[in-house]
Amino acid sequence: MSSGLGRLLPMSGTFGLLSLVVFGTMVASGAGVLIGLFERGIIYPFLIGFVLAGAALRRRRA
């Protein structure tokens, strides 16, 4: 894996976890403002990270 990808994957995971905390806080407070944005912020960084890691592993194998 490249060093850029090695930095990007933990950063995207951290962003997803922070979105999870904000989402939980918003649900607990009852404020429904932009809740869908934070819901997507939870899953998209992980999906993008999985795709990038898979592409890096496939490129390394070939």
PDB file of N, CA and C in Angstrom:
ATOM      1  N   MET A   1       0.839  -1.186   0.000  1.00  0.00           N
ATOM      2  CA  MET A   1       0.000   0.000   0.000  1.00  0.00           C
ATOM      3  C   MET A   1       0.878   1.240   0.000  1.00  0.00           C
ATOM      4  N   SER A   2       0.411   2.268  -0.644  1.00  0.00           N
ATOM      5  CA  SER A   2       1.173   3.510  -0.673  1.00  0.00           C
ATOM      6  C   SER A   2       1.000   4.261   0.643  1.00  0.00           C
ATOM      7  N   SER A   3       1.899   5.192   0.894  1.00  0.00           N
ATOM      8  CA  SER A   3       1.812   5.942   2.148  1.00  0.00           C
ATOM      9  C   SER A   3       0.590   6.857   2.153  1.00  0.00           C
ATOM     10  N   GLY A   4       0.196   7.352   0.981  1.00  0.00           N
ATOM     11  CA  GLY A   4      -1.003   8.190   0.901  1.00  0.00           C
ATOM     12  C   GLY A   4      -2.257   7.412   1.285  1.00  0.00           C
ATOM     13  N   LEU A   5      -2.346   6.196   0.798  1.00  0.00           N
ATOM     14  CA  LEU A   5      -3.480   5.344   1.132  1.00  0.00           C
ATOM     15  C   LEU A   5      -3.417   4.930   2.600  1.00  0.00           C
ATOM     16  N   GLY A   6      -2.212   4.739   3.100  1.00  0.00           N
ATOM     17  CA  GLY A   6      -2.043   4.396   4.508  1.00  0.00           C
ATOM     18  C   GLY A   6      -2.489   5.502   5.440  1.00  0.00           C
ATOM     19  N   ARG A   7      -2.447   6.744   4.978  1.00  0.00           N
ATOM     20  CA  ARG A   7      -2.952   7.860   5.781  1.00  0.00           C
ATOM     21  C   ARG A   7      -4.438   8.086   5.550  1.00  0.00           C
ATOM     22  N   LEU A   8      -4.905   7.846   4.318  1.00  0.00           N
ATOM     23  CA  LEU A   8      -6.296   8.106   3.971  1.00  0.00           C
ATOM     24  C   LEU A   8      -7.258   7.146   4.663  1.00  0.00           C
ATOM     25  N   LEU A   9      -6.910   5.880   4.745  1.00  0.00           N
ATOM     26  CA  LEU A   9      -7.818   4.896   5.335  1.00  0.00           C
ATOM     27  C   LEU A   9      -8.109   5.162   6.810  1.00  0.00           C
ATOM     28  N   PRO A  10      -7.112   5.420   7.664  1.00  0.00           N
ATOM     29  CA  PRO A  10      -7.446   5.743   9.056  1.00  0.00           C
ATOM     30  C   PRO A  10      -8.207   7.069   9.193  1.00  0.00           C
ATOM     31  N   MET A  11      -7.908   8.024   8.315  1.00  0.00           N
ATOM     32  CA  MET A  11      -8.631   9.293   8.376  1.00  0.00           C
ATOM     33  C   MET A  11     -10.099   9.111   8.006  1.00  0.00           C
ATOM     34  N   SER A  12     -10.379   8.285   7.007  1.00  0.00           N
ATOM     35  CA  SER A  12     -11.770   8.055   6.627  1.00  0.00           C
ATOM     36  C   SER A  12     -12.507   7.272   7.718  1.00  0.00           C
ATOM     37  N   GLY A  13     -11.828   6.338   8.357  1.00  0.00           N
ATOM     38  CA  GLY A  13     -12.443   5.620   9.478  1.00  0.00           C
ATOM     39  C   GLY A  13     -12.735   6.528  10.650  1.00  0.00           C
ATOM     40  N   THR A  14     -11.821   7.448  10.923  1.00  0.00           N
ATOM     41  CA  THR A  14     -12.030   8.414  12.006  1.00  0.00           C
ATOM     42  C   THR A  14     -13.209   9.322  11.687  1.00  0.00           C
ATOM     43  N   PHE A  15     -13.314   9.757  10.433  1.00  0.00           N
ATOM     44  CA  PHE A  15     -14.443  10.584  10.024  1.00  0.00           C
ATOM     45  C   PHE A  15     -15.760   9.841  10.207  1.00  0.00           C
ATOM     46  N   GLY A  16     -15.770   8.557   9.854  1.00  0.00           N
ATOM     47  CA  GLY A  16     -16.973   7.752  10.032  1.00  0.00           C
ATOM     48  C   GLY A  16     -17.365   7.601  11.492  1.00  0.00           C
ATOM     49  N   LEU A  17     -16.378   7.404  12.348  1.00  0.00           N
ATOM     50  CA  LEU A  17     -16.667   7.277  13.783  1.00  0.00           C
ATOM     51  C   LEU A  17     -17.142   8.595  14.382  1.00  0.00           C
ATOM     52  N   LEU A  18     -16.562   9.703  13.940  1.00  0.00           N
ATOM     53  CA  LEU A  18     -17.027  11.011  14.414  1.00  0.00           C
ATOM     54  C   LEU A  18     -18.462  11.276  13.945  1.00  0.00           C
ATOM     55  N   SER A  19     -18.769  10.872  12.729  1.00  0.00           N
ATOM     56  CA  SER A  19     -20.137  11.012  12.234  1.00  0.00           C
ATOM     57  C   SER A  19     -21.100  10.173  13.055  1.00  0.00           C
ATOM     58  N   LEU A  20     -20.654   9.009  13.501  1.00  0.00           N
ATOM     59  CA  LEU A  20     -21.488   8.155  14.346  1.00  0.00           C
ATOM     60  C   LEU A  20     -21.798   8.846  15.671  1.00  0.00           C
ATOM     61  N   VAL A  21     -20.802   9.488  16.255  1.00  0.00           N
ATOM     62  CA  VAL A  21     -21.013  10.200  17.524  1.00  0.00           C
ATOM     63  C   VAL A  21     -21.990  11.356  17.330  1.00  0.00           C
ATOM     64  N   VAL A  22     -21.807  12.124  16.251  1.00  0.00           N
ATOM     65  CA  VAL A  22     -22.713  13.248  15.983  1.00  0.00           C
ATOM     66  C   VAL A  22     -24.121  12.739  15.710  1.00  0.00           C
ATOM     67  N   PHE A  23     -24.240  11.658  14.962  1.00  0.00           N
ATOM     68  CA  PHE A  23     -25.543  11.070  14.674  1.00  0.00           C
ATOM     69  C   PHE A  23     -26.242  10.641  15.963  1.00  0.00           C
ATOM     70  N   GLY A  24     -25.515   9.952  16.821  1.00  0.00           N
ATOM     71  CA  GLY A  24     -26.098   9.522  18.096  1.00  0.00           C
ATOM     72  C   GLY A  24     -26.514  10.688  18.964  1.00  0.00           C
ATOM     73  N   THR A  25     -25.716  11.733  18.974  1.00  0.00           N
ATOM     74  CA  THR A  25     -26.054  12.929  19.749  1.00  0.00           C
ATOM     75  C   THR A  25     -27.317  13.583  19.209  1.00  0.00           C
ATOM     76  N   MET A  26     -27.426  13.662  17.894  1.00  0.00           N
ATOM     77  CA  MET A  26     -28.605  14.289  17.299  1.00  0.00           C
ATOM     78  C   MET A  26     -29.861  13.461  17.533  1.00  0.00           C
ATOM     79  N   VAL A  27     -29.744  12.145  17.474  1.00  0.00           N
ATOM     80  CA  VAL A  27     -30.902  11.283  17.732  1.00  0.00           C
ATOM     81  C   VAL A  27     -31.334  11.410  19.188  1.00  0.00           C
ATOM     82  N   ALA A  28     -30.374  11.440  20.097  1.00  0.00           N
ATOM     83  CA  ALA A  28     -30.695  11.543  21.522  1.00  0.00           C
ATOM     84  C   ALA A  28     -31.317  12.895  21.873  1.00  0.00           C
ATOM     85  N   SER A  29     -30.892  13.942  21.182  1.00  0.00           N
ATOM     86  CA  SER A  29     -31.422  15.275  21.499  1.00  0.00           C
ATOM     87  C   SER A  29     -32.776  15.518  20.839  1.00  0.00           C
ATOM     88  N   GLY A  30     -33.124  14.725  19.860  1.00  0.00           N
ATOM     89  CA  GLY A  30     -34.405  14.893  19.190  1.00  0.00           C
ATOM     90  C   GLY A  30     -34.360  15.881  18.038  1.00  0.00           C
ATOM     91  N   ALA A  31     -33.223  16.486  17.781  1.00  0.00           N
ATOM     92  CA  ALA A  31     -33.097  17.413  16.660  1.00  0.00           C
ATOM     93  C   ALA A  31     -32.905  16.604  15.382  1.00  0.00           C
ATOM     94  N   GLY A  32     -33.807  16.761  14.445  1.00  0.00           N
ATOM     95  CA  GLY A  32     -33.738  15.995  13.218  1.00  0.00           C
ATOM     96  C   GLY A  32     -33.091  16.757  12.071  1.00  0.00           C
ATOM     97  N   VAL A  33     -32.291  17.754  12.399  1.00  0.00           N
ATOM     98  CA  VAL A  33     -31.688  18.597  11.374  1.00  0.00           C
ATOM     99  C   VAL A  33     -30.502  17.871  10.740  1.00  0.00           C
ATOM    100  N   LEU A  34     -30.528  17.705   9.449  1.00  0.00           N
ATOM    101  CA  LEU A  34     -29.452  17.092   8.669  1.00  0.00           C
ATOM    102  C   LEU A  34     -29.062  15.693   9.159  1.00  0.00           C
ATOM    103  N   ILE A  35     -30.007  14.973   9.696  1.00  0.00           N
ATOM    104  CA  ILE A  35     -29.692  13.658  10.251  1.00  0.00           C
ATOM    105  C   ILE A  35     -29.269  12.679   9.146  1.00  0.00           C
ATOM    106  N   GLY A  36     -29.828  12.831   7.950  1.00  0.00           N
ATOM    107  CA  GLY A  36     -29.454  11.968   6.841  1.00  0.00           C
ATOM    108  C   GLY A  36     -28.018  12.185   6.395  1.00  0.00           C
ATOM    109  N   LEU A  37     -27.559  13.429   6.498  1.00  0.00           N
ATOM    110  CA  LEU A  37     -26.176  13.736   6.140  1.00  0.00           C
ATOM    111  C   LEU A  37     -25.203  12.986   7.048  1.00  0.00           C
ATOM    112  N   PHE A  38     -25.476  12.998   8.334  1.00  0.00           N
ATOM    113  CA  PHE A  38     -24.585  12.311   9.266  1.00  0.00           C
ATOM    114  C   PHE A  38     -24.730  10.797   9.161  1.00  0.00           C
ATOM    115  N   GLU A  39     -25.926  10.339   8.811  1.00  0.00           N
ATOM    116  CA  GLU A  39     -26.118   8.900   8.595  1.00  0.00           C
ATOM    117  C   GLU A  39     -25.256   8.415   7.434  1.00  0.00           C
ATOM    118  N   ARG A  40     -25.217   9.184   6.368  1.00  0.00           N
ATOM    119  CA  ARG A  40     -24.374   8.826   5.229  1.00  0.00           C
ATOM    120  C   ARG A  40     -22.903   9.001   5.548  1.00  0.00           C
ATOM    121  N   GLY A  41     -22.604   9.965   6.410  1.00  0.00           N
ATOM    122  CA  GLY A  41     -21.223  10.184   6.829  1.00  0.00           C
ATOM    123  C   GLY A  41     -20.664   9.020   7.629  1.00  0.00           C
ATOM    124  N   ILE A  42     -21.547   8.201   8.178  1.00  0.00           N
ATOM    125  CA  ILE A  42     -21.105   7.029   8.928  1.00  0.00           C
ATOM    126  C   ILE A  42     -20.646   5.931   7.963  1.00  0.00           C
ATOM    127  N   ILE A  43     -21.431   5.651   6.948  1.00  0.00           N
ATOM    128  CA  ILE A  43     -21.175   4.472   6.118  1.00  0.00           C
ATOM    129  C   ILE A  43     -20.286   4.739   4.917  1.00  0.00           C
ATOM    130  N   TYR A  44     -20.400   5.891   4.275  1.00  0.00           N
ATOM    131  CA  TYR A  44     -19.642   6.129   3.043  1.00  0.00           C
ATOM    132  C   TYR A  44     -18.128   6.082   3.232  1.00  0.00           C
ATOM    133  N   PRO A  45     -17.559   6.651   4.287  1.00  0.00           N
ATOM    134  CA  PRO A  45     -16.102   6.544   4.435  1.00  0.00           C
ATOM    135  C   PRO A  45     -15.618   5.095   4.551  1.00  0.00           C
ATOM    136  N   PHE A  46     -16.388   4.260   5.219  1.00  0.00           N
ATOM    137  CA  PHE A  46     -15.996   2.859   5.345  1.00  0.00           C
ATOM    138  C   PHE A  46     -16.098   2.140   4.002  1.00  0.00           C
ATOM    139  N   LEU A  47     -17.163   2.405   3.246  1.00  0.00           N
ATOM    140  CA  LEU A  47     -17.304   1.778   1.937  1.00  0.00           C
ATOM    141  C   LEU A  47     -16.196   2.217   0.992  1.00  0.00           C
ATOM    142  N   ILE A  48     -15.898   3.498   0.978  1.00  0.00           N
ATOM    143  CA  ILE A  48     -14.829   4.010   0.128  1.00  0.00           C
ATOM    144  C   ILE A  48     -13.490   3.408   0.549  1.00  0.00           C
ATOM    145  N   GLY A  49     -13.263   3.292   1.849  1.00  0.00           N
ATOM    146  CA  GLY A  49     -12.029   2.697   2.342  1.00  0.00           C
ATOM    147  C   GLY A  49     -11.882   1.246   1.929  1.00  0.00           C
ATOM    148  N   PHE A  50     -12.985   0.486   1.988  1.00  0.00           N
ATOM    149  CA  PHE A  50     -12.939  -0.915   1.565  1.00  0.00           C
ATOM    150  C   PHE A  50     -12.632  -1.031   0.081  1.00  0.00           C
ATOM    151  N   VAL A  51     -13.232  -0.167  -0.731  1.00  0.00           N
ATOM    152  CA  VAL A  51     -12.983  -0.203  -2.175  1.00  0.00           C
ATOM    153  C   VAL A  51     -11.528   0.140  -2.467  1.00  0.00           C
ATOM    154  N   LEU A  52     -11.002   1.181  -1.818  1.00  0.00           N
ATOM    155  CA  LEU A  52      -9.604   1.572  -2.048  1.00  0.00           C
ATOM    156  C   LEU A  52      -8.622   0.498  -1.579  1.00  0.00           C
ATOM    157  N   ALA A  53      -8.898  -0.101  -0.432  1.00  0.00           N
ATOM    158  CA  ALA A  53      -8.021  -1.163   0.065  1.00  0.00           C
ATOM    159  C   ALA A  53      -8.067  -2.377  -0.864  1.00  0.00           C
ATOM    160  N   GLY A  54      -9.264  -2.730  -1.352  1.00  0.00           N
ATOM    161  CA  GLY A  54      -9.380  -3.842  -2.279  1.00  0.00           C
ATOM    162  C   GLY A  54      -8.659  -3.576  -3.586  1.00  0.00           C
ATOM    163  N   ALA A  55      -8.766  -2.345  -4.083  1.00  0.00           N
ATOM    164  CA  ALA A  55      -8.066  -1.993  -5.325  1.00  0.00           C
ATOM    165  C   ALA A  55      -6.555  -2.041  -5.133  1.00  0.00           C
ATOM    166  N   ALA A  56      -6.082  -1.584  -3.973  1.00  0.00           N
ATOM    167  CA  ALA A  56      -4.646  -1.620  -3.698  1.00  0.00           C
ATOM    168  C   ALA A  56      -4.148  -3.058  -3.604  1.00  0.00           C
ATOM    169  N   LEU A  57      -4.917  -3.924  -2.958  1.00  0.00           N
ATOM    170  CA  LEU A  57      -4.518  -5.327  -2.855  1.00  0.00           C
ATOM    171  C   LEU A  57      -4.551  -6.022  -4.214  1.00  0.00           C
ATOM    172  N   ARG A  58      -5.537  -5.682  -5.015  1.00  0.00           N
ATOM    173  CA  ARG A  58      -5.615  -6.300  -6.346  1.00  0.00           C
ATOM    174  C   ARG A  58      -4.458  -5.835  -7.225  1.00  0.00           C
ATOM    175  N   ARG A  59      -4.124  -4.551  -7.137  1.00  0.00           N
ATOM    176  CA  ARG A  59      -3.012  -4.017  -7.929  1.00  0.00           C
ATOM    177  C   ARG A  59      -1.695  -4.645  -7.468  1.00  0.00           C
ATOM    178  N   ARG A  60      -1.577  -4.865  -6.177  1.00  0.00           N
ATOM    179  CA  ARG A  60      -0.363  -5.468  -5.633  1.00  0.00           C
ATOM    180  C   ARG A  60      -0.201  -6.921  -6.075  1.00  0.00           C
ATOM    181  N   ARG A  61      -1.321  -7.610  -6.213  1.00  0.00           N
ATOM    182  CA  ARG A  61      -1.312  -9.008  -6.619  1.00  0.00           C
ATOM    183  C   ARG A  61      -0.942  -9.185  -8.083  1.00  0.00           C
ATOM    184  N   ALA A  62      -1.336  -8.225  -8.906  1.00  0.00           N
ATOM    185  CA  ALA A  62      -1.126  -8.348 -10.359  1.00  0.00           C
ATOM    186  C   ALA A  62       0.286  -8.028 -10.781  1.00  0.00           C
TER     187      ALA A  62
END
